[in-house]
Protein backbone atom coordinates (compact mmCIF):
# COMPACT_ATOMS: atom_id res chain seq x y z
CA MET A 1 15.39 0.99 14.33
CA ALA A 2 16.21 -2.50 12.93
CA PHE A 3 13.99 -3.76 10.17
CA PRO A 4 13.88 -7.45 8.96
CA THR A 5 16.34 -8.26 6.28
CA ARG A 6 15.46 -11.92 5.97
CA ARG A 7 16.52 -13.57 2.74
CA ARG A 8 15.63 -17.15 1.78
CA VAL A 9 15.53 -19.48 -1.28
CA VAL A 10 12.01 -19.62 -2.72
CA THR A 11 10.77 -23.06 -3.80
CA THR A 12 9.78 -23.76 -7.46
CA ALA A 13 6.17 -23.44 -6.50
CA LEU A 14 6.79 -19.86 -5.25
CA ALA A 15 9.15 -18.94 -8.02
CA THR A 16 6.90 -16.22 -9.35
CA ALA A 17 7.41 -14.24 -6.07
CA ALA A 18 10.49 -12.60 -7.68
CA ALA A 19 8.03 -11.00 -10.15
CA GLY A 20 5.80 -9.77 -7.38
CA THR A 21 3.15 -12.43 -7.24
CA LEU A 22 2.55 -16.03 -6.05
CA ILE A 23 -0.24 -16.80 -8.60
CA PRO A 24 0.21 -17.68 -12.23
CA LEU A 25 -0.87 -14.68 -14.08
CA ARG A 26 -2.84 -16.41 -16.83
CA THR A 27 -4.85 -18.12 -14.07
CA ALA A 28 -5.54 -14.83 -12.44
CA ILE A 29 -6.48 -12.98 -15.62
CA ALA A 30 -8.65 -15.91 -17.13
CA SER A 31 -10.71 -16.07 -13.98
CA GLU A 32 -11.89 -12.40 -14.24
CA ALA A 33 -14.93 -11.36 -16.06
CA PRO A 34 -15.31 -7.82 -17.23
CA PRO A 35 -16.76 -5.63 -14.46
CA ALA A 36 -20.42 -4.70 -14.98
CA ARG A 37 -20.14 -1.24 -13.45
CA ILE A 38 -17.57 1.09 -12.24
CA HIS A 39 -16.98 0.64 -8.49
CA ARG A 40 -16.19 3.32 -5.90
CA PRO A 41 -12.45 3.93 -5.55
CA LEU A 42 -10.51 1.68 -3.55
CA LEU A 43 -7.71 3.49 -1.57
CA HIS A 44 -5.55 0.29 -0.89
CA ALA A 45 -5.94 -1.49 -4.28
CA HIS A 46 -2.79 -1.77 -6.46
CA ALA A 47 -3.01 -3.60 -9.69
CA HIS A 48 0.37 -5.41 -10.03
CA ASN A 49 1.43 -6.22 -13.62
CA ASP A 50 -1.69 -4.37 -14.77
CA TYR A 51 -0.91 -4.48 -18.44
CA LEU A 52 -1.38 -8.23 -18.51
CA HIS A 53 -5.04 -7.86 -18.24
CA SER A 54 -7.39 -7.93 -21.07
CA ARG A 55 -8.06 -4.21 -20.80
CA PRO A 56 -4.97 -2.52 -19.25
CA LEU A 57 -5.81 0.32 -16.91
CA HIS A 58 -9.52 0.25 -17.63
CA ASP A 59 -10.20 -3.16 -15.87
CA ALA A 60 -8.46 -1.70 -12.87
CA LEU A 61 -10.13 1.61 -12.85
CA ALA A 62 -13.57 -0.10 -13.36
CA GLN A 63 -12.93 -2.25 -10.30
CA GLY A 64 -12.07 1.01 -8.34
CA PHE A 65 -8.31 0.55 -8.18
CA THR A 66 -6.31 3.63 -7.31
CA SER A 67 -2.85 2.39 -8.18
CA VAL A 68 -1.72 0.56 -11.27
CA GLU A 69 1.73 -0.71 -12.35
CA ALA A 70 3.37 -0.76 -15.74
CA ASP A 71 6.77 -2.20 -16.53
CA ILE A 72 8.67 -0.43 -19.36
CA PHE A 73 11.58 -0.88 -21.80
CA LEU A 74 13.15 1.77 -23.88
CA VAL A 75 13.23 0.49 -27.51
CA ASP A 76 14.38 2.71 -30.31
CA GLY A 77 13.40 5.79 -28.52
CA GLU A 78 9.94 4.47 -27.45
CA LEU A 79 8.78 3.18 -23.99
CA LEU A 80 7.14 -0.16 -24.57
CA VAL A 81 5.13 -1.94 -21.81
CA ALA A 82 5.87 -5.50 -21.18
CA HIS A 83 7.11 -7.88 -18.30
CA GLU A 84 9.82 -9.49 -20.39
CA ALA A 85 11.81 -8.37 -23.39
CA THR A 86 10.45 -11.38 -25.33
CA ASP A 87 6.93 -9.95 -24.99
CA LEU A 88 7.64 -6.54 -26.57
CA ASP A 89 5.06 -5.14 -28.97
CA PRO A 90 5.60 -1.79 -30.67
CA ALA A 91 1.85 -0.97 -30.48
CA ARG A 92 1.82 -1.49 -26.54
CA THR A 93 3.51 1.86 -25.60
CA LEU A 94 3.29 3.56 -22.37
CA SER A 95 1.57 6.58 -23.79
CA ALA A 96 -1.07 4.35 -25.82
CA LEU A 97 -1.87 2.14 -22.78
CA TYR A 98 -1.72 4.65 -19.85
CA LEU A 99 -0.72 8.22 -20.30
CA ASP A 100 -3.09 9.10 -23.16
CA PRO A 101 -6.13 7.19 -21.69
CA LEU A 102 -5.68 8.80 -18.30
CA LEU A 103 -5.25 12.27 -19.66
CA ALA A 104 -8.48 11.73 -21.69
CA ARG A 105 -10.41 10.69 -18.60
CA VAL A 106 -9.09 13.57 -16.47
CA ARG A 107 -10.26 15.99 -19.33
CA ALA A 108 -13.60 14.25 -19.58
CA ASN A 109 -14.14 14.40 -15.77
CA HIS A 110 -13.05 17.93 -15.28
CA GLY A 111 -9.84 17.22 -13.44
CA THR A 112 -10.34 13.80 -11.95
CA VAL A 113 -9.70 10.17 -12.91
CA PHE A 114 -12.89 9.05 -11.14
CA ARG A 115 -16.13 10.90 -12.10
CA ASP A 116 -17.38 13.12 -9.32
CA ASP A 117 -14.58 11.87 -6.98
CA ARG A 118 -11.28 13.53 -6.42
CA THR A 119 -9.39 10.38 -5.21
CA PRO A 120 -5.98 10.54 -7.07
CA VAL A 121 -4.58 7.64 -8.92
CA GLN A 122 -0.88 6.35 -8.63
CA LEU A 123 0.75 5.22 -11.86
CA LEU A 124 3.84 3.11 -10.70
CA ILE A 125 6.31 2.84 -13.62
CA ASP A 126 8.77 0.07 -13.39
CA ILE A 127 11.92 0.76 -15.59
CA LYS A 128 13.16 -2.67 -16.52
CA THR A 129 16.56 -1.61 -18.28
CA ASP A 130 18.60 1.48 -19.16
CA GLY A 131 17.36 3.54 -16.24
CA VAL A 132 18.98 6.84 -17.01
CA ALA A 133 18.05 6.79 -20.77
CA ALA A 134 14.65 5.34 -20.09
CA TYR A 135 13.95 8.05 -17.50
CA ALA A 136 14.97 10.86 -19.85
CA GLU A 137 12.45 9.70 -22.39
CA LEU A 138 9.77 9.15 -19.66
CA ASP A 139 10.35 12.63 -18.39
CA ARG A 140 9.74 14.02 -21.89
CA GLN A 141 6.58 12.05 -22.18
CA LEU A 142 5.33 12.97 -18.65
CA ARG A 143 5.91 16.74 -19.48
CA ARG A 144 3.54 16.28 -22.36
CA HIS A 145 0.90 14.96 -20.02
CA ARG A 146 1.76 17.46 -17.20
CA GLN A 147 -1.89 18.78 -17.14
CA MET A 148 -2.98 15.68 -15.07
CA LEU A 149 0.21 15.05 -13.02
CA THR A 150 1.39 15.73 -9.54
CA SER A 151 4.59 17.62 -9.76
CA PHE A 152 7.42 18.98 -7.68
CA GLN A 153 8.12 22.64 -8.37
CA HIS A 154 9.91 25.45 -6.46
CA GLY A 155 10.58 23.08 -3.58
CA ARG A 156 6.99 22.06 -3.02
CA VAL A 157 4.53 19.32 -4.23
CA ARG A 158 1.73 20.30 -6.47
CA PRO A 159 -1.05 17.70 -6.38
CA GLY A 160 -2.55 16.25 -9.59
CA ALA A 161 -5.19 13.71 -10.53
CA VAL A 162 -2.31 11.25 -11.31
CA THR A 163 0.90 10.74 -9.46
CA ALA A 164 3.71 8.95 -11.43
CA VAL A 165 6.11 7.10 -9.27
CA ILE A 166 9.25 5.56 -10.87
CA SER A 167 10.50 2.09 -9.66
CA GLY A 168 12.71 -0.58 -11.18
CA ASP A 169 16.30 0.26 -12.49
CA ARG A 170 17.84 2.34 -9.59
CA ALA A 171 20.03 4.24 -12.08
CA ALA A 172 17.06 6.54 -12.63
CA ARG A 173 17.50 8.11 -9.12
CA ALA A 174 20.30 10.39 -9.74
CA PRO A 175 18.73 12.39 -12.68
CA MET A 176 15.49 12.56 -10.84
CA GLU A 177 17.07 14.11 -7.78
CA ALA A 178 18.91 16.60 -9.81
CA GLU A 179 15.65 18.05 -11.37
CA ARG A 180 14.30 21.19 -9.95
CA THR A 181 10.93 20.56 -11.53
CA ARG A 182 9.63 16.95 -11.67
CA TYR A 183 6.58 15.29 -12.78
CA ALA A 184 7.36 12.00 -11.18
CA PHE A 185 8.46 10.69 -7.78
CA TYR A 186 10.72 7.89 -6.59
CA ASP A 187 9.80 4.52 -5.22
CA GLY A 188 11.90 3.89 -2.15
CA ARG A 189 13.00 0.76 -0.38
CA LEU A 190 13.25 -0.05 3.37
CA ASP A 191 16.72 1.36 3.51
CA ASP A 192 15.35 4.82 2.58
CA LEU A 193 13.35 5.05 5.78
CA GLY A 194 14.63 7.61 8.16
CA THR A 195 16.96 9.05 5.66
CA ALA A 196 17.41 12.55 4.30
CA ALA A 197 15.11 11.70 1.20
CA THR A 198 11.82 13.10 2.13
CA ALA A 199 8.19 12.27 0.88
CA SER A 200 8.61 14.99 -1.60
CA PHE A 201 10.96 12.83 -3.47
CA ILE A 202 10.01 9.30 -2.13
CA PRO A 203 6.38 9.30 -1.26
CA LEU A 204 6.25 5.44 -1.46
CA ILE A 205 8.22 2.67 0.28
CA SER A 206 8.09 -0.60 -1.40
CA SER A 207 9.54 -3.96 -0.36
CA SER A 208 9.42 -7.74 -1.24
CA TRP A 209 7.22 -9.41 1.40
CA THR A 210 9.04 -12.76 1.00
CA GLY A 211 12.36 -10.83 1.27
CA ALA A 212 11.49 -9.43 4.59
CA PHE A 213 9.00 -11.75 6.27
CA GLY A 214 8.55 -15.55 6.32
CA TRP A 215 4.79 -15.64 7.23
CA LEU A 216 2.69 -16.49 4.26
CA GLY A 217 -0.78 -16.55 6.04
CA THR A 218 -0.78 -20.12 7.54
CA GLY A 219 -1.58 -19.86 11.30
CA PRO A 220 -1.12 -16.53 13.12
CA ILE A 221 1.60 -14.08 12.16
CA PRO A 222 4.59 -14.44 14.54
CA PRO A 223 4.55 -11.64 17.07
CA ALA A 224 8.05 -10.47 16.11
CA GLU A 225 7.00 -10.12 12.36
CA ARG A 226 3.80 -8.35 13.39
CA GLU A 227 5.77 -5.86 15.42
CA ALA A 228 8.32 -5.32 12.58
CA LEU A 229 5.59 -4.69 10.08
CA ARG A 230 3.86 -2.08 12.23
CA ALA A 231 7.14 -0.48 13.04
CA ILE A 232 7.88 -0.13 9.19
CA THR A 233 4.50 1.42 8.45
CA ALA A 234 4.70 3.75 11.54
CA ALA A 235 8.21 4.86 10.49
CA ALA A 236 6.98 5.64 6.95
CA HIS A 237 3.80 7.38 7.94
CA ARG A 238 5.56 9.65 10.44
CA GLU A 239 7.50 10.98 7.24
CA GLY A 240 4.35 11.26 5.15
CA GLN A 241 5.30 8.16 3.07
CA ARG A 242 3.11 5.39 1.93
CA VAL A 243 3.93 1.52 2.20
CA ARG A 244 3.53 -1.28 -0.30
CA PHE A 245 4.75 -4.81 -0.33
CA TRP A 246 5.06 -7.15 -3.49
CA ALA A 247 5.47 -10.92 -3.46
CA THR A 248 2.63 -11.28 -0.99
CA PRO A 249 0.53 -14.44 -1.42
CA ASP A 250 -1.95 -14.12 -4.30
CA VAL A 251 -3.53 -17.56 -4.53
CA PRO A 252 -7.30 -17.23 -3.59
CA GLY A 253 -7.94 -18.74 -0.09
CA PRO A 254 -7.69 -18.19 3.64
CA GLU A 255 -3.94 -17.60 3.68
CA ARG A 256 -4.07 -14.63 1.11
CA GLU A 257 -6.85 -13.05 3.12
CA ALA A 258 -5.09 -13.46 6.36
CA VAL A 259 -1.96 -11.66 4.96
CA TRP A 260 -4.14 -8.93 3.46
CA ALA A 261 -6.10 -8.48 6.82
CA GLU A 262 -2.75 -8.24 8.71
CA LEU A 263 -1.30 -5.60 6.24
CA LEU A 264 -4.51 -3.48 6.67
CA ALA A 265 -4.47 -3.73 10.25
CA ALA A 266 -0.75 -2.69 10.27
CA GLY A 267 -1.57 0.31 8.13
CA VAL A 268 -0.05 -0.71 4.73
CA ASP A 269 -1.24 1.63 2.17
CA HIS A 270 -1.30 -0.58 -1.00
CA LEU A 271 -2.17 -4.17 -1.28
CA ASN A 272 -0.55 -5.89 -4.25
CA SER A 273 -2.49 -8.27 -6.41
CA ASP A 274 -3.00 -9.60 -10.01
CA ASP A 275 -6.49 -10.65 -9.05
CA LEU A 276 -8.51 -7.50 -9.51
CA ALA A 277 -11.86 -8.97 -8.71
CA GLY A 278 -10.55 -10.96 -5.72
CA LEU A 279 -8.93 -7.79 -4.09
CA ALA A 280 -11.83 -5.59 -4.86
CA ARG A 281 -14.20 -8.01 -3.01
CA PHE A 282 -11.91 -8.21 -0.19
CA LEU A 283 -11.53 -4.40 0.23
CA HIS A 284 -15.26 -3.82 -0.15
CA SER A 285 -15.99 -6.42 2.46
CA HIS A 286 -13.64 -4.61 4.88
CA GLY A 287 -15.22 -1.17 4.01
CA ARG A 288 -11.99 0.13 2.41
CA HIS A 289 -13.37 2.40 -0.28
CA ALA A 290 -12.87 6.04 -0.63
CA ARG A 291 -16.30 7.10 0.71
């Protein structure tokens, strides 16, 4: 099966697509008000660059998001959360912002992230540099939090309240594949579809939307691109894998909603956004909550 490999130069106005979004992050974050109540889990909601919100993790969970993303750098033996090296803060560690609060919630809720709801949460961890060394430290920290984590042991997956999926620096793949017991899984790419790597190692297939498709929500999606999109999701789902696209339009308006609707119709599992409230409203309006 031939999947799209379209590559094009992105204009200055769309330059942030390389980071996985088409909306200025400050605008998206500033427009959000703290949620008044915890919403039902949203199966398709992925908080891209989650750590840039005023309350990392907690804002997303309060909106019902079931997937959050954190970028990490290994600095002096610690995993710091930031998008750029210039933004590093020794107080903003992966444990402090994500692992410890998630474990506290799981303990408080007797084994689940969401109270009275067993919907699992995905923690997508994007390693920005030093993949092998960063994963070694990450593996150590994940093992400290293994009580809540989905694991791979003795050749099978054991579900947990939180599933850690490792993305970013591809050098982390080799040490992960070599482990007989893992507390994390790998974020694949379109090239991994149909290969020997199964869902027990690669449960998620991610790709840049603008790297594979040209349609950005204006007018109807070209039939060939719709067919290609549905072929991708069908191929992944046959293998028990989920699909996510980053760099989808994220400026509020009909174009963004058109792309999101097309992704849902094609069976894409995670919609990627920095606008928590906007994506939550869209998914609720389409009845895409857990129950």
